[in-house]
Amino acid sequence: MALQLTIQKSVAVEGIGLHTGQPAKITLSPAPSDTGIMFRANDAHRTLIPASPEHVVDAHFATTLGVNGTRIQSVEHLLAAAAALGVDNLFVDVEGDEIPALDGSAKPFVALLYAAGKDTLPVPRRPLVVGKPLRVGDGTRWLQVLPADSFRISYTLDLDHPAVGTQALSFPCTERIFVEELAPARTYGFLKDVGTLRKNGLARGGSLHNAVVVGTRAVLNGSLRYQDEFVRHKILDLIGDLGLLGRPLLGHVVARNAGHALNHQLTLTIQRECTEPSGARVTS
């Protein structure tokens, strides 16, 4: 029986927020069993914000958590790294309004967690086992999760752009696969959208150093880390958003052209159906 994990020591990293463009720093610290991932804001009240589906207050272009008006933006890459490495319990102190973008991938967060080390806690993990197919979305944008004995993601990204096109991958979501095949994949955006995003208070910290920028026909950064880096990053984001469930998921997630908003719908659906006898069941 697998036991819950936290980290052995506190570690920190700082950088610029992708969307706010402001300096940001996070400090990760060990947390007791059944704490989950708990963000702590740098406000007067040291507001605690649990990483859970019901605390998502915005899912456009990034996943933002909030409590009583206090918000922390862009949590998905850190959550993906924690989920993939099996770190169940963690305090995340945040100085600023956003998790730092670093290089736009989850690779720096993997390195940070490895530097912190893992510590086993005397309480078993409680996987969520999918008992029936669940689906959100429609048309060309949807997500579904099917019963399976392990956690797997199959993703199709279909964009009418010469630098992207159709990309499809299917991975078992193990720690090794995540670290080697998914964590280095960077977030991406289209040059034509930058002006509009910045007018809406987004992508103000975006640059060629922390995002893949796609021009009219090609990527402006030079070379990609993977030929299909775009779909790999979509899988990375999905793992992070599903990490809000707070438990390992046993199911096969099949996705097509989804984003954070649809990811959030799926986490809410899984969470809701897990309380019903006819849906997924909770095992320990």
C-alpha atoms as a PDB file:
ATOM      1  CA  MET A   1       0.000   0.000   0.000  1.00  0.00           C
ATOM      2  CA  ALA A   2       1.469   3.335  -1.069  1.00  0.00           C
ATOM      3  CA  LEU A   3       1.930   5.930   1.657  1.00  0.00           C
ATOM      4  CA  GLN A   4       1.498   9.687   1.431  1.00  0.00           C
ATOM      5  CA  LEU A   5       4.560  11.839   0.786  1.00  0.00           C
ATOM      6  CA  THR A   6       5.725  15.320   1.677  1.00  0.00           C
ATOM      7  CA  ILE A   7       9.172  16.929   1.295  1.00  0.00           C
ATOM      8  CA  GLN A   8      12.122  16.722   3.686  1.00  0.00           C
ATOM      9  CA  LYS A   9      13.115  20.398   3.824  1.00  0.00           C
ATOM     10  CA  SER A  10      12.050  23.850   2.705  1.00  0.00           C
ATOM     11  CA  VAL A  11      13.192  25.120  -0.684  1.00  0.00           C
ATOM     12  CA  ALA A  12      12.512  28.353  -2.591  1.00  0.00           C
ATOM     13  CA  VAL A  13      12.640  29.809  -6.074  1.00  0.00           C
ATOM     14  CA  GLU A  14      11.839  33.219  -7.520  1.00  0.00           C
ATOM     15  CA  GLY A  15      11.186  34.728 -10.909  1.00  0.00           C
ATOM     16  CA  ILE A  16       8.656  36.729 -12.902  1.00  0.00           C
ATOM     17  CA  GLY A  17       4.953  35.943 -13.222  1.00  0.00           C
ATOM     18  CA  LEU A  18       3.987  35.040 -16.786  1.00  0.00           C
ATOM     19  CA  HIS A  19       0.744  36.997 -16.696  1.00  0.00           C
ATOM     20  CA  THR A  20       1.307  39.688 -14.047  1.00  0.00           C
ATOM     21  CA  GLY A  21       4.866  40.462 -15.131  1.00  0.00           C
ATOM     22  CA  GLN A  22       5.661  41.071 -11.446  1.00  0.00           C
ATOM     23  CA  PRO A  23       8.374  39.504  -9.265  1.00  0.00           C
ATOM     24  CA  ALA A  24       7.210  36.344  -7.532  1.00  0.00           C
ATOM     25  CA  LYS A  25       8.743  33.933  -5.035  1.00  0.00           C
ATOM     26  CA  ILE A  26       7.553  30.621  -3.652  1.00  0.00           C
ATOM     27  CA  THR A  27       8.815  28.645  -0.676  1.00  0.00           C
ATOM     28  CA  LEU A  28       7.852  24.980  -0.431  1.00  0.00           C
ATOM     29  CA  SER A  29       7.728  23.443   3.049  1.00  0.00           C
ATOM     30  CA  PRO A  30       6.814  20.015   4.496  1.00  0.00           C
ATOM     31  CA  ALA A  31       3.192  19.471   5.510  1.00  0.00           C
ATOM     32  CA  PRO A  32       1.498  16.773   7.629  1.00  0.00           C
ATOM     33  CA  SER A  33      -0.595  13.892   6.303  1.00  0.00           C
ATOM     34  CA  ASP A  34      -3.928  14.784   4.681  1.00  0.00           C
ATOM     35  CA  THR A  35      -2.988  18.468   4.336  1.00  0.00           C
ATOM     36  CA  GLY A  36      -2.897  18.324   0.559  1.00  0.00           C
ATOM     37  CA  ILE A  37      -1.243  21.166  -1.338  1.00  0.00           C
ATOM     38  CA  MET A  38      -1.901  24.353   0.614  1.00  0.00           C
ATOM     39  CA  PHE A  39      -0.986  27.787  -0.741  1.00  0.00           C
ATOM     40  CA  ARG A  40      -0.326  30.579   1.747  1.00  0.00           C
ATOM     41  CA  ALA A  41      -0.636  34.135   0.467  1.00  0.00           C
ATOM     42  CA  ASN A  42       1.636  36.968   1.549  1.00  0.00           C
ATOM     43  CA  ASP A  43      -1.211  39.167   2.766  1.00  0.00           C
ATOM     44  CA  ALA A  44      -2.061  40.555   6.198  1.00  0.00           C
ATOM     45  CA  HIS A  45      -4.025  37.437   7.102  1.00  0.00           C
ATOM     46  CA  ARG A  46      -1.612  34.888   5.601  1.00  0.00           C
ATOM     47  CA  THR A  47      -4.638  33.532   3.775  1.00  0.00           C
ATOM     48  CA  LEU A  48      -4.617  29.775   3.211  1.00  0.00           C
ATOM     49  CA  ILE A  49      -5.864  28.628  -0.192  1.00  0.00           C
ATOM     50  CA  PRO A  50      -6.310  24.873  -0.673  1.00  0.00           C
ATOM     51  CA  ALA A  51      -5.446  23.393  -4.062  1.00  0.00           C
ATOM     52  CA  SER A  52      -8.897  22.001  -4.773  1.00  0.00           C
ATOM     53  CA  PRO A  53     -11.461  22.285  -7.579  1.00  0.00           C
ATOM     54  CA  GLU A  54     -13.865  24.384  -5.519  1.00  0.00           C
ATOM     55  CA  HIS A  55     -11.187  27.053  -4.974  1.00  0.00           C
ATOM     56  CA  VAL A  56     -10.615  27.665  -8.696  1.00  0.00           C
ATOM     57  CA  VAL A  57     -11.793  31.232  -9.348  1.00  0.00           C
ATOM     58  CA  ASP A  58     -10.498  31.630 -12.914  1.00  0.00           C
ATOM     59  CA  ALA A  59      -9.507  29.097 -15.564  1.00  0.00           C
ATOM     60  CA  HIS A  60      -8.830  31.307 -18.587  1.00  0.00           C
ATOM     61  CA  PHE A  61      -5.252  30.972 -19.906  1.00  0.00           C
ATOM     62  CA  ALA A  62      -4.084  29.763 -16.461  1.00  0.00           C
ATOM     63  CA  THR A  63      -5.536  28.195 -13.322  1.00  0.00           C
ATOM     64  CA  THR A  64      -6.123  30.700 -10.527  1.00  0.00           C
ATOM     65  CA  LEU A  65      -7.049  29.749  -6.962  1.00  0.00           C
ATOM     66  CA  GLY A  66      -8.693  32.095  -4.513  1.00  0.00           C
ATOM     67  CA  VAL A  67     -10.327  32.624  -1.123  1.00  0.00           C
ATOM     68  CA  ASN A  68     -12.242  35.782  -0.100  1.00  0.00           C
ATOM     69  CA  GLY A  69     -10.738  37.892  -2.872  1.00  0.00           C
ATOM     70  CA  THR A  70      -7.153  36.716  -2.350  1.00  0.00           C
ATOM     71  CA  ARG A  71      -5.854  35.052  -5.513  1.00  0.00           C
ATOM     72  CA  ILE A  72      -2.835  33.074  -6.632  1.00  0.00           C
ATOM     73  CA  GLN A  73      -2.443  32.648 -10.380  1.00  0.00           C
ATOM     74  CA  SER A  74      -0.777  30.052 -12.611  1.00  0.00           C
ATOM     75  CA  VAL A  75      -0.566  27.145 -10.169  1.00  0.00           C
ATOM     76  CA  GLU A  76      -0.774  24.354 -12.772  1.00  0.00           C
ATOM     77  CA  HIS A  77       2.928  23.733 -13.527  1.00  0.00           C
ATOM     78  CA  LEU A  78       3.861  23.402  -9.859  1.00  0.00           C
ATOM     79  CA  LEU A  79       0.844  21.162  -9.221  1.00  0.00           C
ATOM     80  CA  ALA A  80       1.786  18.983 -12.195  1.00  0.00           C
ATOM     81  CA  ALA A  81       5.292  18.454 -10.825  1.00  0.00           C
ATOM     82  CA  ALA A  82       3.993  17.645  -7.335  1.00  0.00           C
ATOM     83  CA  ALA A  83       1.382  15.208  -8.654  1.00  0.00           C
ATOM     84  CA  ALA A  84       3.827  13.444 -10.976  1.00  0.00           C
ATOM     85  CA  LEU A  85       6.430  13.044  -8.223  1.00  0.00           C
ATOM     86  CA  GLY A  86       3.790  11.776  -5.791  1.00  0.00           C
ATOM     87  CA  VAL A  87       4.101  14.675  -3.342  1.00  0.00           C
ATOM     88  CA  ASP A  88       0.703  14.726  -1.633  1.00  0.00           C
ATOM     89  CA  ASN A  89       1.252  17.298   1.130  1.00  0.00           C
ATOM     90  CA  LEU A  90       2.946  20.654   0.803  1.00  0.00           C
ATOM     91  CA  PHE A  91       2.805  24.221   2.083  1.00  0.00           C
ATOM     92  CA  VAL A  92       3.502  26.776  -0.650  1.00  0.00           C
ATOM     93  CA  ASP A  93       4.208  30.284   0.625  1.00  0.00           C
ATOM     94  CA  VAL A  94       3.737  32.785  -2.193  1.00  0.00           C
ATOM     95  CA  GLU A  95       5.218  36.285  -2.317  1.00  0.00           C
ATOM     96  CA  GLY A  96       3.301  37.989  -5.095  1.00  0.00           C
ATOM     97  CA  ASP A  97       0.080  37.165  -6.914  1.00  0.00           C
ATOM     98  CA  GLU A  98       1.396  34.450  -9.218  1.00  0.00           C
ATOM     99  CA  ILE A  99       3.639  31.406  -9.254  1.00  0.00           C
ATOM    100  CA  PRO A 100       6.865  32.362 -11.101  1.00  0.00           C
ATOM    101  CA  ALA A 101       6.944  31.252 -14.730  1.00  0.00           C
ATOM    102  CA  LEU A 102      10.670  30.367 -14.692  1.00  0.00           C
ATOM    103  CA  ASP A 103      11.290  28.799 -18.142  1.00  0.00           C
ATOM    104  CA  GLY A 104       7.588  28.234 -18.878  1.00  0.00           C
ATOM    105  CA  SER A 105       7.687  24.501 -18.135  1.00  0.00           C
ATOM    106  CA  ALA A 106       7.458  22.230 -15.090  1.00  0.00           C
ATOM    107  CA  LYS A 107      11.128  21.210 -15.279  1.00  0.00           C
ATOM    108  CA  PRO A 108      12.354  23.804 -12.730  1.00  0.00           C
ATOM    109  CA  PHE A 109       9.638  22.710 -10.261  1.00  0.00           C
ATOM    110  CA  VAL A 110      10.704  19.080 -10.660  1.00  0.00           C
ATOM    111  CA  ALA A 111      14.276  20.127  -9.852  1.00  0.00           C
ATOM    112  CA  LEU A 112      13.054  22.115  -6.840  1.00  0.00           C
ATOM    113  CA  LEU A 113      11.104  19.151  -5.448  1.00  0.00           C
ATOM    114  CA  TYR A 114      14.030  16.791  -5.991  1.00  0.00           C
ATOM    115  CA  ALA A 115      16.275  19.263  -4.131  1.00  0.00           C
ATOM    116  CA  ALA A 116      13.787  19.214  -1.248  1.00  0.00           C
ATOM    117  CA  GLY A 117      13.782  15.400  -1.065  1.00  0.00           C
ATOM    118  CA  LYS A 118      10.777  13.203  -0.330  1.00  0.00           C
ATOM    119  CA  ASP A 119       9.586  12.162   3.109  1.00  0.00           C
ATOM    120  CA  THR A 120       7.161   9.283   3.704  1.00  0.00           C
ATOM    121  CA  LEU A 121       4.189   9.848   6.011  1.00  0.00           C
ATOM    122  CA  PRO A 122       2.417   7.086   7.980  1.00  0.00           C
ATOM    123  CA  VAL A 123      -0.930   7.455   6.188  1.00  0.00           C
ATOM    124  CA  PRO A 124      -1.948   5.609   2.992  1.00  0.00           C
ATOM    125  CA  ARG A 125      -2.716   7.384  -0.258  1.00  0.00           C
ATOM    126  CA  ARG A 126      -6.362   7.123  -1.318  1.00  0.00           C
ATOM    127  CA  PRO A 127      -6.688   6.850  -5.087  1.00  0.00           C
ATOM    128  CA  LEU A 128      -9.788   7.915  -6.980  1.00  0.00           C
ATOM    129  CA  VAL A 129     -10.907   4.974  -9.120  1.00  0.00           C
ATOM    130  CA  VAL A 130     -13.094   5.786 -12.107  1.00  0.00           C
ATOM    131  CA  GLY A 131     -16.060   3.425 -12.221  1.00  0.00           C
ATOM    132  CA  LYS A 132     -17.818   4.684 -15.355  1.00  0.00           C
ATOM    133  CA  PRO A 133     -17.041   6.950 -18.332  1.00  0.00           C
ATOM    134  CA  LEU A 134     -17.330  10.675 -17.600  1.00  0.00           C
ATOM    135  CA  ARG A 135     -17.266  13.378 -20.276  1.00  0.00           C
ATOM    136  CA  VAL A 136     -17.273  17.177 -20.523  1.00  0.00           C
ATOM    137  CA  GLY A 137     -17.248  19.475 -23.556  1.00  0.00           C
ATOM    138  CA  ASP A 138     -18.593  18.916 -27.044  1.00  0.00           C
ATOM    139  CA  GLY A 139     -17.786  19.325 -30.716  1.00  0.00           C
ATOM    140  CA  THR A 140     -14.018  19.574 -31.264  1.00  0.00           C
ATOM    141  CA  ARG A 141     -13.169  20.408 -27.625  1.00  0.00           C
ATOM    142  CA  TRP A 142     -13.791  17.743 -25.026  1.00  0.00           C
ATOM    143  CA  LEU A 143     -12.405  15.555 -22.265  1.00  0.00           C
ATOM    144  CA  GLN A 144     -13.458  12.150 -21.031  1.00  0.00           C
ATOM    145  CA  VAL A 145     -12.139   9.755 -18.422  1.00  0.00           C
ATOM    146  CA  LEU A 146     -12.592   6.000 -18.728  1.00  0.00           C
ATOM    147  CA  PRO A 147     -12.143   3.197 -16.182  1.00  0.00           C
ATOM    148  CA  ALA A 148      -8.549   1.924 -16.058  1.00  0.00           C
ATOM    149  CA  ASP A 149      -6.140   0.285 -13.627  1.00  0.00           C
ATOM    150  CA  SER A 150      -3.613   3.131 -13.862  1.00  0.00           C
ATOM    151  CA  PHE A 151      -3.436   6.819 -14.753  1.00  0.00           C
ATOM    152  CA  ARG A 152      -3.001   7.491 -18.473  1.00  0.00           C
ATOM    153  CA  ILE A 153      -3.596  10.486 -20.748  1.00  0.00           C
ATOM    154  CA  SER A 154      -4.230  10.346 -24.501  1.00  0.00           C
ATOM    155  CA  TYR A 155      -4.346  13.808 -26.054  1.00  0.00           C
ATOM    156  CA  THR A 156      -5.058  15.134 -29.545  1.00  0.00           C
ATOM    157  CA  LEU A 157      -4.279  18.764 -30.322  1.00  0.00           C
ATOM    158  CA  ASP A 158      -5.574  20.006 -33.646  1.00  0.00           C
ATOM    159  CA  LEU A 159      -4.706  23.602 -34.565  1.00  0.00           C
ATOM    160  CA  ASP A 160      -4.962  25.090 -38.034  1.00  0.00           C
ATOM    161  CA  HIS A 161      -1.480  26.581 -37.953  1.00  0.00           C
ATOM    162  CA  PRO A 162       1.595  25.476 -39.957  1.00  0.00           C
ATOM    163  CA  ALA A 163       3.782  25.370 -36.829  1.00  0.00           C
ATOM    164  CA  VAL A 164       1.350  23.156 -34.907  1.00  0.00           C
ATOM    165  CA  GLY A 165      -1.120  21.167 -37.034  1.00  0.00           C
ATOM    166  CA  THR A 166      -2.366  17.913 -35.530  1.00  0.00           C
ATOM    167  CA  GLN A 167      -0.354  16.379 -32.699  1.00  0.00           C
ATOM    168  CA  ALA A 168      -1.390  13.274 -30.753  1.00  0.00           C
ATOM    169  CA  LEU A 169       0.277  11.424 -27.882  1.00  0.00           C
ATOM    170  CA  SER A 170      -0.643   8.806 -25.301  1.00  0.00           C
ATOM    171  CA  PHE A 171       1.392   8.374 -22.119  1.00  0.00           C
ATOM    172  CA  PRO A 172       1.134   6.402 -18.886  1.00  0.00           C
ATOM    173  CA  CYS A 173       1.547   9.139 -16.297  1.00  0.00           C
ATOM    174  CA  THR A 174       4.478   7.766 -14.332  1.00  0.00           C
ATOM    175  CA  GLU A 175       7.147   9.859 -12.618  1.00  0.00           C
ATOM    176  CA  ARG A 176       9.801   8.816 -15.146  1.00  0.00           C
ATOM    177  CA  ILE A 177       7.615   9.615 -18.155  1.00  0.00           C
ATOM    178  CA  PHE A 178       6.697  12.995 -16.699  1.00  0.00           C
ATOM    179  CA  VAL A 179      10.273  13.980 -15.898  1.00  0.00           C
ATOM    180  CA  GLU A 180      11.700  12.869 -19.255  1.00  0.00           C
ATOM    181  CA  GLU A 181       8.863  13.447 -21.712  1.00  0.00           C
ATOM    182  CA  LEU A 182       6.541  16.117 -20.337  1.00  0.00           C
ATOM    183  CA  ALA A 183       8.073  18.387 -17.691  1.00  0.00           C
ATOM    184  CA  PRO A 184      10.412  20.276 -20.121  1.00  0.00           C
ATOM    185  CA  ALA A 185       7.540  21.178 -22.504  1.00  0.00           C
ATOM    186  CA  ARG A 186       6.947  24.925 -22.345  1.00  0.00           C
ATOM    187  CA  THR A 187       3.774  26.964 -22.394  1.00  0.00           C
ATOM    188  CA  TYR A 188       3.052  28.607 -25.729  1.00  0.00           C
ATOM    189  CA  GLY A 189       1.184  31.519 -27.214  1.00  0.00           C
ATOM    190  CA  PHE A 190       0.563  33.198 -30.547  1.00  0.00           C
ATOM    191  CA  LEU A 191       2.187  36.507 -31.409  1.00  0.00           C
ATOM    192  CA  LYS A 192      -1.081  37.790 -32.905  1.00  0.00           C
ATOM    193  CA  ASP A 193      -2.786  37.457 -29.510  1.00  0.00           C
ATOM    194  CA  VAL A 194      -0.173  39.221 -27.370  1.00  0.00           C
ATOM    195  CA  GLY A 195      -1.658  42.714 -27.691  1.00  0.00           C
ATOM    196  CA  THR A 196      -5.151  41.601 -26.709  1.00  0.00           C
ATOM    197  CA  LEU A 197      -3.863  39.480 -23.835  1.00  0.00           C
ATOM    198  CA  ARG A 198      -1.853  42.345 -22.388  1.00  0.00           C
ATOM    199  CA  LYS A 199      -4.799  44.738 -22.662  1.00  0.00           C
ATOM    200  CA  ASN A 200      -6.700  42.215 -20.536  1.00  0.00           C
ATOM    201  CA  GLY A 201      -3.949  42.026 -17.936  1.00  0.00           C
ATOM    202  CA  LEU A 202      -2.434  38.774 -19.197  1.00  0.00           C
ATOM    203  CA  ALA A 203       0.958  37.721 -20.623  1.00  0.00           C
ATOM    204  CA  ARG A 204       2.610  40.885 -19.252  1.00  0.00           C
ATOM    205  CA  GLY A 205       5.636  38.842 -18.193  1.00  0.00           C
ATOM    206  CA  GLY A 206       5.721  36.650 -21.279  1.00  0.00           C
ATOM    207  CA  SER A 207       8.906  36.515 -23.336  1.00  0.00           C
ATOM    208  CA  LEU A 208      10.963  34.196 -25.484  1.00  0.00           C
ATOM    209  CA  HIS A 209      12.628  33.058 -22.256  1.00  0.00           C
ATOM    210  CA  ASN A 210       9.486  31.644 -20.628  1.00  0.00           C
ATOM    211  CA  ALA A 211       7.157  30.732 -23.492  1.00  0.00           C
ATOM    212  CA  VAL A 212       7.157  29.348 -26.996  1.00  0.00           C
ATOM    213  CA  VAL A 213       5.985  32.235 -29.170  1.00  0.00           C
ATOM    214  CA  VAL A 214       4.335  31.245 -32.443  1.00  0.00           C
ATOM    215  CA  GLY A 215       4.439  33.700 -35.350  1.00  0.00           C
ATOM    216  CA  THR A 216       2.414  33.619 -38.547  1.00  0.00           C
ATOM    217  CA  ARG A 217       4.209  30.570 -39.913  1.00  0.00           C
ATOM    218  CA  ALA A 218       6.859  29.421 -37.451  1.00  0.00           C
ATOM    219  CA  VAL A 219       8.065  29.432 -33.858  1.00  0.00           C
ATOM    220  CA  LEU A 220      10.060  32.574 -33.044  1.00  0.00           C
ATOM    221  CA  ASN A 221      12.230  30.965 -30.333  1.00  0.00           C
ATOM    222  CA  GLY A 222      14.293  28.931 -32.774  1.00  0.00           C
ATOM    223  CA  SER A 223      14.173  25.228 -31.992  1.00  0.00           C
ATOM    224  CA  LEU A 224      11.549  23.399 -29.969  1.00  0.00           C
ATOM    225  CA  ARG A 225      12.476  21.048 -27.135  1.00  0.00           C
ATOM    226  CA  TYR A 226      10.302  18.384 -28.777  1.00  0.00           C
ATOM    227  CA  GLN A 227       8.865  18.290 -32.274  1.00  0.00           C
ATOM    228  CA  ASP A 228       5.429  17.969 -30.644  1.00  0.00           C
ATOM    229  CA  GLU A 229       6.116  20.245 -27.666  1.00  0.00           C
ATOM    230  CA  PHE A 230       2.656  21.823 -27.945  1.00  0.00           C
ATOM    231  CA  VAL A 231       0.645  18.684 -27.187  1.00  0.00           C
ATOM    232  CA  ARG A 232       3.135  17.670 -24.491  1.00  0.00           C
ATOM    233  CA  HIS A 233       2.520  20.947 -22.711  1.00  0.00           C
ATOM    234  CA  LYS A 234      -1.231  20.444 -22.952  1.00  0.00           C
ATOM    235  CA  ILE A 235      -0.786  17.081 -21.193  1.00  0.00           C
ATOM    236  CA  LEU A 236       1.405  18.756 -18.567  1.00  0.00           C
ATOM    237  CA  ASP A 237      -1.295  21.364 -17.888  1.00  0.00           C
ATOM    238  CA  LEU A 238      -3.958  18.660 -17.658  1.00  0.00           C
ATOM    239  CA  ILE A 239      -1.920  16.708 -15.095  1.00  0.00           C
ATOM    240  CA  GLY A 240      -1.572  19.899 -13.049  1.00  0.00           C
ATOM    241  CA  ASP A 241      -5.275  20.714 -13.171  1.00  0.00           C
ATOM    242  CA  LEU A 242      -6.218  17.134 -12.276  1.00  0.00           C
ATOM    243  CA  GLY A 243      -3.796  17.468  -9.364  1.00  0.00           C
ATOM    244  CA  LEU A 244      -6.436  19.697  -7.770  1.00  0.00           C
ATOM    245  CA  LEU A 245      -8.331  16.498  -6.935  1.00  0.00           C
ATOM    246  CA  GLY A 246      -5.750  15.939  -4.208  1.00  0.00           C
ATOM    247  CA  ARG A 247      -5.544  12.183  -4.799  1.00  0.00           C
ATOM    248  CA  PRO A 248      -3.978   9.913  -7.396  1.00  0.00           C
ATOM    249  CA  LEU A 249      -6.407   9.239 -10.244  1.00  0.00           C
ATOM    250  CA  LEU A 250      -6.852   5.750 -11.652  1.00  0.00           C
ATOM    251  CA  GLY A 251      -8.425   6.285 -15.055  1.00  0.00           C
ATOM    252  CA  HIS A 252      -7.650   6.880 -18.726  1.00  0.00           C
ATOM    253  CA  VAL A 253      -8.191  10.536 -19.639  1.00  0.00           C
ATOM    254  CA  VAL A 254      -8.808  11.135 -23.343  1.00  0.00           C
ATOM    255  CA  ALA A 255      -8.630  14.755 -24.492  1.00  0.00           C
ATOM    256  CA  ARG A 256      -9.116  16.802 -27.618  1.00  0.00           C
ATOM    257  CA  ASN A 257      -8.279  20.511 -27.793  1.00  0.00           C
ATOM    258  CA  ALA A 258      -9.102  21.112 -24.143  1.00  0.00           C
ATOM    259  CA  GLY A 259      -7.861  23.980 -21.985  1.00  0.00           C
ATOM    260  CA  HIS A 260      -7.889  24.984 -18.338  1.00  0.00           C
ATOM    261  CA  ALA A 261     -11.636  25.714 -18.298  1.00  0.00           C
ATOM    262  CA  LEU A 262     -12.526  22.236 -19.587  1.00  0.00           C
ATOM    263  CA  ASN A 263      -9.909  20.677 -17.315  1.00  0.00           C
ATOM    264  CA  HIS A 264     -11.650  22.353 -14.399  1.00  0.00           C
ATOM    265  CA  GLN A 265     -15.034  21.039 -15.539  1.00  0.00           C
ATOM    266  CA  LEU A 266     -13.610  17.524 -15.579  1.00  0.00           C
ATOM    267  CA  THR A 267     -12.134  17.808 -12.080  1.00  0.00           C
ATOM    268  CA  LEU A 268     -15.496  19.035 -10.758  1.00  0.00           C
ATOM    269  CA  THR A 269     -17.267  16.178 -12.523  1.00  0.00           C
ATOM    270  CA  ILE A 270     -14.875  13.566 -11.130  1.00  0.00           C
ATOM    271  CA  GLN A 271     -15.163  15.057  -7.657  1.00  0.00           C
ATOM    272  CA  ARG A 272     -18.970  15.056  -7.833  1.00  0.00           C
ATOM    273  CA  GLU A 273     -19.299  11.559  -9.267  1.00  0.00           C
ATOM    274  CA  CYS A 274     -16.966  10.106  -6.665  1.00  0.00           C
ATOM    275  CA  THR A 275     -19.653  10.720  -4.028  1.00  0.00           C
ATOM    276  CA  GLU A 276     -22.267   8.727  -5.924  1.00  0.00           C
ATOM    277  CA  PRO A 277     -22.502   4.911  -5.847  1.00  0.00           C
ATOM    278  CA  SER A 278     -23.105   4.819  -9.602  1.00  0.00           C
ATOM    279  CA  GLY A 279     -19.991   6.802 -10.441  1.00  0.00           C
ATOM    280  CA  ALA A 280     -16.359   6.543  -9.551  1.00  0.00           C
ATOM    281  CA  ARG A 281     -15.500   4.981  -6.228  1.00  0.00           C
ATOM    282  CA  VAL A 282     -12.959   5.955  -3.627  1.00  0.00           C
ATOM    283  CA  THR A 283     -10.570   3.240  -2.493  1.00  0.00           C
ATOM    284  CA  SER A 284      -7.976   3.188   0.226  1.00  0.00           C
END
